[in-house]
Amino acid sequence: LSLPPSTGFPLQASGVPSPYLSSLASPRYPPFPSDYLALQLPEPSPLRPKREKRPRLPRKLKMFSDAGSGDDALDGDDDLVIDIP
């Protein structure tokens, strides 16, 4: 027990983790996290393809930026700037 407080912040010595541990020790929390984790298990699989799509979107933005180098695209940007004010 002496090792965790030594590695932890001095606030832990003030008894802050005691209510925290007691809350974790309460029987109400274990069932809730178990169900929550069960719901998270199917989520990571769809999130992985989304992460792959996220880098692809910036690549498309880069393509637009390349198209923006054209004079026509610059004129369109000028029109948008005029519409904003």
Protein backbone atom coordinates (compact mmCIF):
# COMPACT_ATOMS: atom_id res chain seq x y z
CA LEU A 1 0.00 0.00 0.00
CA SER A 2 2.93 2.34 0.62
CA LEU A 3 3.96 2.10 -3.05
CA PRO A 4 0.73 3.47 -4.68
CA PRO A 5 0.56 6.61 -2.47
CA SER A 6 4.27 7.25 -3.02
CA THR A 7 3.78 7.01 -6.79
CA GLY A 8 0.44 8.87 -6.62
CA PHE A 9 -0.16 12.55 -5.96
CA PRO A 10 -0.20 13.87 -2.36
CA LEU A 11 -3.95 14.43 -2.74
CA GLN A 12 -4.44 10.65 -2.50
CA ALA A 13 -2.99 10.77 1.03
CA SER A 14 -5.77 13.20 1.97
CA GLY A 15 -8.27 10.32 1.62
CA VAL A 16 -9.64 11.34 -1.78
CA PRO A 17 -9.41 7.79 -3.24
CA SER A 18 -11.31 6.35 -0.27
CA PRO A 19 -14.75 7.62 -1.49
CA TYR A 20 -13.73 6.85 -5.05
CA LEU A 21 -12.85 3.25 -4.17
CA SER A 22 -16.01 2.99 -2.08
CA SER A 23 -18.08 4.12 -5.08
CA LEU A 24 -16.39 1.45 -7.21
CA ALA A 25 -16.94 -1.11 -4.44
CA SER A 26 -20.69 -0.39 -4.45
CA PRO A 27 -22.64 -3.18 -6.24
CA ARG A 28 -24.56 -0.69 -8.42
CA TYR A 29 -21.56 0.23 -10.60
CA PRO A 30 -20.26 -3.23 -11.66
CA PRO A 31 -23.47 -4.29 -13.53
CA PHE A 32 -23.77 -0.94 -15.32
CA PRO A 33 -20.20 -0.91 -16.72
CA SER A 34 -20.56 -4.54 -17.77
CA ASP A 35 -23.61 -3.69 -19.90
CA TYR A 36 -21.94 -0.51 -21.13
CA LEU A 37 -18.81 -2.42 -22.15
CA ALA A 38 -21.00 -5.02 -23.88
CA LEU A 39 -22.53 -2.19 -25.92
CA GLN A 40 -19.06 -0.82 -26.71
CA LEU A 41 -17.88 -4.16 -28.11
CA PRO A 42 -19.95 -3.87 -31.35
CA GLU A 43 -19.16 -0.14 -31.65
CA PRO A 44 -15.35 -0.39 -32.14
CA SER A 45 -15.76 -2.51 -35.29
CA PRO A 46 -17.83 0.19 -37.13
CA LEU A 47 -15.64 2.95 -35.68
CA ARG A 48 -12.54 1.43 -37.32
CA PRO A 49 -13.89 1.88 -40.90
CA LYS A 50 -14.98 5.41 -39.95
CA ARG A 51 -11.41 6.17 -38.89
CA GLU A 52 -10.25 4.93 -42.29
CA LYS A 53 -12.80 7.21 -43.99
CA ARG A 54 -11.74 10.24 -41.92
CA PRO A 55 -8.23 10.38 -43.48
CA ARG A 56 -9.81 9.91 -46.92
CA LEU A 57 -11.98 13.01 -46.46
CA PRO A 58 -8.97 15.32 -45.94
CA ARG A 59 -7.45 13.80 -49.08
CA LYS A 60 -10.56 14.92 -50.98
CA LEU A 61 -10.16 18.38 -49.44
CA LYS A 62 -6.59 18.42 -50.75
CA MET A 63 -7.95 17.63 -54.22
CA PHE A 64 -10.33 20.57 -53.89
CA SER A 65 -7.40 22.73 -52.81
CA ASP A 66 -5.56 21.61 -55.94
CA ALA A 67 -8.63 22.54 -58.01
CA GLY A 68 -8.71 25.81 -56.06
CA SER A 69 -5.34 26.64 -57.65
CA GLY A 70 -7.30 27.11 -60.92
CA ASP A 71 -8.45 30.62 -61.86
CA ASP A 72 -12.13 29.56 -62.03
CA ALA A 73 -12.00 28.14 -58.51
CA LEU A 74 -10.34 31.35 -57.27
CA ASP A 75 -13.13 33.41 -58.85
CA GLY A 76 -15.70 31.20 -57.09
CA ASP A 77 -13.90 31.80 -53.79
CA ASP A 78 -14.02 35.55 -54.44
CA ASP A 79 -17.79 35.35 -54.98
CA LEU A 80 -18.17 33.42 -51.72
CA VAL A 81 -16.12 36.03 -49.86
CA ILE A 82 -18.35 38.78 -51.28
CA ASP A 83 -21.50 36.89 -50.21
CA ILE A 84 -20.25 36.50 -46.62
CA PRO A 85 -20.03 40.27 -45.83
